[in-house]
Amino acid sequence: MMGSKQVWERAPLKIAIFFIAAWSIQSSTVMSMIVSLSLEELLATSNLVAIVQVVDKIRLKNNSTKNLLYVKEIIKGTWDSEKLLPVETDRPRFEDTPKFGKICSKALIFLQKDTTGHFRINNFLQGIMPIDDKGNLYGFGLGHNIEEIKDLVKNSFHTRNGKRKHGFKR
């Protein structure tokens, strides 16, 4: 049987183990958070920025969804406006999995081309900013407006020696 002196001698070790375990849990939680980009960084890392309307959603065999989008206006990049823009989203596994709203809903989207040449949502949820009936952005777009984003794109290109040069900071 341990005396009270021996119990108190082991107390600092137990406290240290508790704090190390708590720090480990807290550290792994922080590391799984989405890193939010500034609007400038989001624009700089996007190949296509556009206002779109959801036309159709097709469930694929791998449980992802192929979203067919009508491009209403291109803010940055190029796309054939006569074609629907296909953007695949993964099946929702986590609360921060990006997904489009219902058919006919509008959104401002920020897309990157992947290695296969297909467009993917840039920076998870931050790459889809839903637009309400009044034209206001919400989600990660809350506090911004479409004209502000258009101005950022317009003012980000500088001309040097007659050549257009991208002016976004990375």
C-alpha atoms as a PDB file:
ATOM      1  CA  MET A   1       0.000   0.000   0.000  1.00  0.00           C
ATOM      2  CA  MET A   2       1.292   3.439  -0.971  1.00  0.00           C
ATOM      3  CA  GLY A   3       1.669   6.094   1.617  1.00  0.00           C
ATOM      4  CA  SER A   4       0.326   9.601   1.034  1.00  0.00           C
ATOM      5  CA  LYS A   5       3.866  10.855   0.421  1.00  0.00           C
ATOM      6  CA  GLN A   6       4.315   8.429  -2.531  1.00  0.00           C
ATOM      7  CA  VAL A   7       0.959   9.477  -4.076  1.00  0.00           C
ATOM      8  CA  TRP A   8       1.949  13.147  -3.999  1.00  0.00           C
ATOM      9  CA  GLU A   9       5.363  12.368  -5.484  1.00  0.00           C
ATOM     10  CA  ARG A  10       3.629  10.883  -8.596  1.00  0.00           C
ATOM     11  CA  ALA A  11       1.084  13.728  -8.935  1.00  0.00           C
ATOM     12  CA  PRO A  12       3.351  15.962 -11.122  1.00  0.00           C
ATOM     13  CA  LEU A  13       3.839  13.066 -13.560  1.00  0.00           C
ATOM     14  CA  LYS A  14       0.072  12.489 -13.829  1.00  0.00           C
ATOM     15  CA  ILE A  15      -0.565  16.210 -14.356  1.00  0.00           C
ATOM     16  CA  ALA A  16       2.120  16.364 -17.075  1.00  0.00           C
ATOM     17  CA  ILE A  17       0.607  13.350 -18.883  1.00  0.00           C
ATOM     18  CA  PHE A  18      -2.841  14.960 -18.715  1.00  0.00           C
ATOM     19  CA  PHE A  19      -1.585  18.242 -20.216  1.00  0.00           C
ATOM     20  CA  ILE A  20       0.358  16.466 -22.981  1.00  0.00           C
ATOM     21  CA  ALA A  21      -2.734  14.444 -23.923  1.00  0.00           C
ATOM     22  CA  ALA A  22      -4.959  17.557 -23.897  1.00  0.00           C
ATOM     23  CA  TRP A  23      -2.447  19.488 -26.038  1.00  0.00           C
ATOM     24  CA  SER A  24      -2.278  16.606 -28.546  1.00  0.00           C
ATOM     25  CA  ILE A  25      -6.051  16.538 -28.954  1.00  0.00           C
ATOM     26  CA  GLN A  26      -6.263  20.318 -29.304  1.00  0.00           C
ATOM     27  CA  SER A  27      -3.400  20.396 -31.846  1.00  0.00           C
ATOM     28  CA  SER A  28      -4.965  17.772 -34.089  1.00  0.00           C
ATOM     29  CA  THR A  29      -8.283  19.647 -34.022  1.00  0.00           C
ATOM     30  CA  VAL A  30      -6.669  22.924 -35.072  1.00  0.00           C
ATOM     31  CA  MET A  31      -4.790  21.249 -37.923  1.00  0.00           C
ATOM     32  CA  SER A  32      -8.030  20.018 -39.516  1.00  0.00           C
ATOM     33  CA  MET A  33      -9.540  23.477 -39.968  1.00  0.00           C
ATOM     34  CA  ILE A  34      -9.959  25.078 -43.408  1.00  0.00           C
ATOM     35  CA  VAL A  35      -7.414  27.766 -44.116  1.00  0.00           C
ATOM     36  CA  SER A  36      -9.366  30.786 -45.281  1.00  0.00           C
ATOM     37  CA  LEU A  37      -7.729  32.686 -48.144  1.00  0.00           C
ATOM     38  CA  SER A  38      -7.996  36.423 -48.596  1.00  0.00           C
ATOM     39  CA  LEU A  39     -10.236  37.444 -51.482  1.00  0.00           C
ATOM     40  CA  GLU A  40      -7.123  38.465 -53.435  1.00  0.00           C
ATOM     41  CA  GLU A  41      -5.519  35.035 -52.880  1.00  0.00           C
ATOM     42  CA  LEU A  42      -8.728  33.259 -53.837  1.00  0.00           C
ATOM     43  CA  LEU A  43      -8.900  35.251 -57.085  1.00  0.00           C
ATOM     44  CA  ALA A  44      -5.194  34.738 -57.809  1.00  0.00           C
ATOM     45  CA  THR A  45      -5.401  30.967 -57.423  1.00  0.00           C
ATOM     46  CA  SER A  46      -8.599  30.589 -59.470  1.00  0.00           C
ATOM     47  CA  ASN A  47      -8.579  29.861 -63.220  1.00  0.00           C
ATOM     48  CA  LEU A  48     -12.266  30.708 -63.635  1.00  0.00           C
ATOM     49  CA  VAL A  49     -14.493  33.026 -61.614  1.00  0.00           C
ATOM     50  CA  ALA A  50     -18.101  33.239 -62.749  1.00  0.00           C
ATOM     51  CA  ILE A  51     -21.688  33.826 -61.769  1.00  0.00           C
ATOM     52  CA  VAL A  52     -23.557  30.608 -62.476  1.00  0.00           C
ATOM     53  CA  GLN A  53     -26.993  29.078 -62.165  1.00  0.00           C
ATOM     54  CA  VAL A  54     -27.475  25.409 -61.299  1.00  0.00           C
ATOM     55  CA  VAL A  55     -29.257  23.654 -64.196  1.00  0.00           C
ATOM     56  CA  ASP A  56     -28.965  19.995 -63.230  1.00  0.00           C
ATOM     57  CA  LYS A  57     -27.350  17.639 -60.730  1.00  0.00           C
ATOM     58  CA  ILE A  58     -26.372  14.126 -61.762  1.00  0.00           C
ATOM     59  CA  ARG A  59     -25.503  11.572 -59.091  1.00  0.00           C
ATOM     60  CA  LEU A  60     -22.487   9.509 -60.191  1.00  0.00           C
ATOM     61  CA  LYS A  61     -21.615   5.916 -59.287  1.00  0.00           C
ATOM     62  CA  ASN A  62     -18.819   7.004 -56.947  1.00  0.00           C
ATOM     63  CA  ASN A  63     -21.392   8.999 -54.880  1.00  0.00           C
ATOM     64  CA  SER A  64     -20.100  12.312 -56.163  1.00  0.00           C
ATOM     65  CA  THR A  65     -22.345  14.768 -58.010  1.00  0.00           C
ATOM     66  CA  LYS A  66     -21.833  16.232 -61.455  1.00  0.00           C
ATOM     67  CA  ASN A  67     -23.299  19.741 -61.322  1.00  0.00           C
ATOM     68  CA  LEU A  68     -24.235  21.270 -64.671  1.00  0.00           C
ATOM     69  CA  LEU A  69     -24.006  25.034 -64.472  1.00  0.00           C
ATOM     70  CA  TYR A  70     -25.200  27.751 -66.825  1.00  0.00           C
ATOM     71  CA  VAL A  71     -22.569  30.493 -66.925  1.00  0.00           C
ATOM     72  CA  LYS A  72     -24.400  33.820 -66.616  1.00  0.00           C
ATOM     73  CA  GLU A  73     -21.294  36.013 -66.407  1.00  0.00           C
ATOM     74  CA  ILE A  74     -17.542  35.405 -66.460  1.00  0.00           C
ATOM     75  CA  ILE A  75     -15.505  37.607 -64.142  1.00  0.00           C
ATOM     76  CA  LYS A  76     -12.115  35.958 -64.684  1.00  0.00           C
ATOM     77  CA  GLY A  77     -10.999  33.282 -67.151  1.00  0.00           C
ATOM     78  CA  THR A  78     -12.687  31.856 -70.211  1.00  0.00           C
ATOM     79  CA  TRP A  79     -15.508  29.432 -70.922  1.00  0.00           C
ATOM     80  CA  ASP A  80     -17.707  28.820 -73.970  1.00  0.00           C
ATOM     81  CA  SER A  81     -20.996  30.397 -72.881  1.00  0.00           C
ATOM     82  CA  GLU A  82     -22.970  28.051 -75.137  1.00  0.00           C
ATOM     83  CA  LYS A  83     -21.844  25.018 -73.120  1.00  0.00           C
ATOM     84  CA  LEU A  84     -22.949  24.036 -69.656  1.00  0.00           C
ATOM     85  CA  LEU A  85     -20.062  24.040 -67.192  1.00  0.00           C
ATOM     86  CA  PRO A  86     -19.669  20.641 -65.470  1.00  0.00           C
ATOM     87  CA  VAL A  87     -18.264  20.801 -61.951  1.00  0.00           C
ATOM     88  CA  GLU A  88     -17.991  17.648 -59.900  1.00  0.00           C
ATOM     89  CA  THR A  89     -18.418  17.794 -56.144  1.00  0.00           C
ATOM     90  CA  ASP A  90     -17.691  14.963 -53.735  1.00  0.00           C
ATOM     91  CA  ARG A  91     -20.466  13.402 -51.744  1.00  0.00           C
ATOM     92  CA  PRO A  92     -20.922  15.269 -48.473  1.00  0.00           C
ATOM     93  CA  ARG A  93     -18.866  13.506 -45.818  1.00  0.00           C
ATOM     94  CA  PHE A  94     -18.120  16.471 -43.613  1.00  0.00           C
ATOM     95  CA  GLU A  95     -19.950  19.683 -42.867  1.00  0.00           C
ATOM     96  CA  ASP A  96     -17.390  21.632 -44.899  1.00  0.00           C
ATOM     97  CA  THR A  97     -17.760  19.633 -48.136  1.00  0.00           C
ATOM     98  CA  PRO A  98     -18.611  22.109 -50.912  1.00  0.00           C
ATOM     99  CA  LYS A  99     -21.928  21.604 -52.657  1.00  0.00           C
ATOM    100  CA  PHE A 100     -24.187  23.652 -54.870  1.00  0.00           C
ATOM    101  CA  GLY A 101     -27.669  24.776 -53.921  1.00  0.00           C
ATOM    102  CA  LYS A 102     -30.902  23.604 -55.488  1.00  0.00           C
ATOM    103  CA  ILE A 103     -31.588  23.684 -59.220  1.00  0.00           C
ATOM    104  CA  CYS A 104     -32.095  27.306 -60.396  1.00  0.00           C
ATOM    105  CA  SER A 105     -30.030  28.685 -57.491  1.00  0.00           C
ATOM    106  CA  LYS A 106     -27.219  31.116 -58.316  1.00  0.00           C
ATOM    107  CA  ALA A 107     -23.671  31.331 -57.028  1.00  0.00           C
ATOM    108  CA  LEU A 108     -20.391  33.110 -57.555  1.00  0.00           C
ATOM    109  CA  ILE A 109     -17.828  30.352 -58.043  1.00  0.00           C
ATOM    110  CA  PHE A 110     -14.046  30.221 -57.937  1.00  0.00           C
ATOM    111  CA  LEU A 111     -12.627  27.257 -59.856  1.00  0.00           C
ATOM    112  CA  GLN A 112      -9.198  25.714 -60.436  1.00  0.00           C
ATOM    113  CA  LYS A 113      -8.295  23.281 -63.183  1.00  0.00           C
ATOM    114  CA  ASP A 114      -7.056  19.963 -61.881  1.00  0.00           C
ATOM    115  CA  THR A 115      -4.378  17.817 -63.523  1.00  0.00           C
ATOM    116  CA  THR A 116      -6.956  16.221 -65.838  1.00  0.00           C
ATOM    117  CA  GLY A 117      -8.191  19.609 -67.092  1.00  0.00           C
ATOM    118  CA  HIS A 118     -11.481  19.484 -65.190  1.00  0.00           C
ATOM    119  CA  PHE A 119     -12.633  22.355 -63.010  1.00  0.00           C
ATOM    120  CA  ARG A 120     -12.771  21.880 -59.241  1.00  0.00           C
ATOM    121  CA  ILE A 121     -13.970  24.202 -56.493  1.00  0.00           C
ATOM    122  CA  ASN A 122     -11.088  26.333 -55.195  1.00  0.00           C
ATOM    123  CA  ASN A 123     -10.468  26.143 -51.434  1.00  0.00           C
ATOM    124  CA  PHE A 124     -13.468  24.053 -50.406  1.00  0.00           C
ATOM    125  CA  LEU A 125     -16.492  26.049 -49.171  1.00  0.00           C
ATOM    126  CA  GLN A 126     -14.812  29.367 -49.847  1.00  0.00           C
ATOM    127  CA  GLY A 127     -15.008  28.682 -53.603  1.00  0.00           C
ATOM    128  CA  ILE A 128     -18.831  28.727 -53.717  1.00  0.00           C
ATOM    129  CA  MET A 129     -20.537  31.953 -52.669  1.00  0.00           C
ATOM    130  CA  PRO A 130     -24.320  31.591 -52.971  1.00  0.00           C
ATOM    131  CA  ILE A 131     -26.269  34.566 -54.341  1.00  0.00           C
ATOM    132  CA  ASP A 132     -29.735  35.389 -52.990  1.00  0.00           C
ATOM    133  CA  ASP A 133     -32.694  36.775 -54.983  1.00  0.00           C
ATOM    134  CA  LYS A 134     -31.539  40.364 -54.351  1.00  0.00           C
ATOM    135  CA  GLY A 135     -28.026  39.678 -55.705  1.00  0.00           C
ATOM    136  CA  ASN A 136     -26.325  39.605 -52.297  1.00  0.00           C
ATOM    137  CA  LEU A 137     -23.520  37.160 -51.573  1.00  0.00           C
ATOM    138  CA  TYR A 138     -23.632  34.966 -48.506  1.00  0.00           C
ATOM    139  CA  GLY A 139     -21.562  32.125 -47.076  1.00  0.00           C
ATOM    140  CA  PHE A 140     -17.906  33.126 -47.439  1.00  0.00           C
ATOM    141  CA  GLY A 141     -19.081  36.048 -49.592  1.00  0.00           C
ATOM    142  CA  LEU A 142     -20.928  37.728 -46.734  1.00  0.00           C
ATOM    143  CA  GLY A 143     -19.686  41.300 -46.389  1.00  0.00           C
ATOM    144  CA  HIS A 144     -18.535  41.456 -50.032  1.00  0.00           C
ATOM    145  CA  ASN A 145     -20.397  42.237 -53.209  1.00  0.00           C
ATOM    146  CA  ILE A 146     -20.008  41.202 -56.833  1.00  0.00           C
ATOM    147  CA  GLU A 147     -18.941  44.675 -57.992  1.00  0.00           C
ATOM    148  CA  GLU A 148     -16.110  44.671 -55.438  1.00  0.00           C
ATOM    149  CA  ILE A 149     -14.859  41.354 -56.826  1.00  0.00           C
ATOM    150  CA  LYS A 150     -15.110  42.606 -60.423  1.00  0.00           C
ATOM    151  CA  ASP A 151     -13.091  45.701 -59.459  1.00  0.00           C
ATOM    152  CA  LEU A 152     -10.421  43.547 -57.795  1.00  0.00           C
ATOM    153  CA  VAL A 153     -10.062  41.494 -60.988  1.00  0.00           C
ATOM    154  CA  LYS A 154     -10.068  44.589 -63.216  1.00  0.00           C
ATOM    155  CA  ASN A 155      -7.458  46.386 -61.096  1.00  0.00           C
ATOM    156  CA  SER A 156      -5.239  43.322 -60.682  1.00  0.00           C
ATOM    157  CA  PHE A 157      -3.903  43.354 -64.233  1.00  0.00           C
ATOM    158  CA  HIS A 158      -1.104  45.784 -64.983  1.00  0.00           C
ATOM    159  CA  THR A 159       0.386  46.607 -68.338  1.00  0.00           C
ATOM    160  CA  ARG A 160       4.184  46.573 -68.550  1.00  0.00           C
ATOM    161  CA  ASN A 161       5.940  47.104 -71.862  1.00  0.00           C
ATOM    162  CA  GLY A 162       2.643  46.520 -73.663  1.00  0.00           C
ATOM    163  CA  LYS A 163       2.133  43.092 -72.039  1.00  0.00           C
ATOM    164  CA  ARG A 164      -0.588  42.217 -69.591  1.00  0.00           C
ATOM    165  CA  LYS A 165       0.837  40.996 -66.328  1.00  0.00           C
ATOM    166  CA  HIS A 166      -1.092  39.458 -63.461  1.00  0.00           C
ATOM    167  CA  GLY A 167      -0.987  41.754 -60.448  1.00  0.00           C
ATOM    168  CA  PHE A 168      -2.329  39.541 -57.666  1.00  0.00           C
ATOM    169  CA  LYS A 169      -0.006  38.859 -54.779  1.00  0.00           C
ATOM    170  CA  ARG A 170       0.438  35.220 -53.809  1.00  0.00           C
END
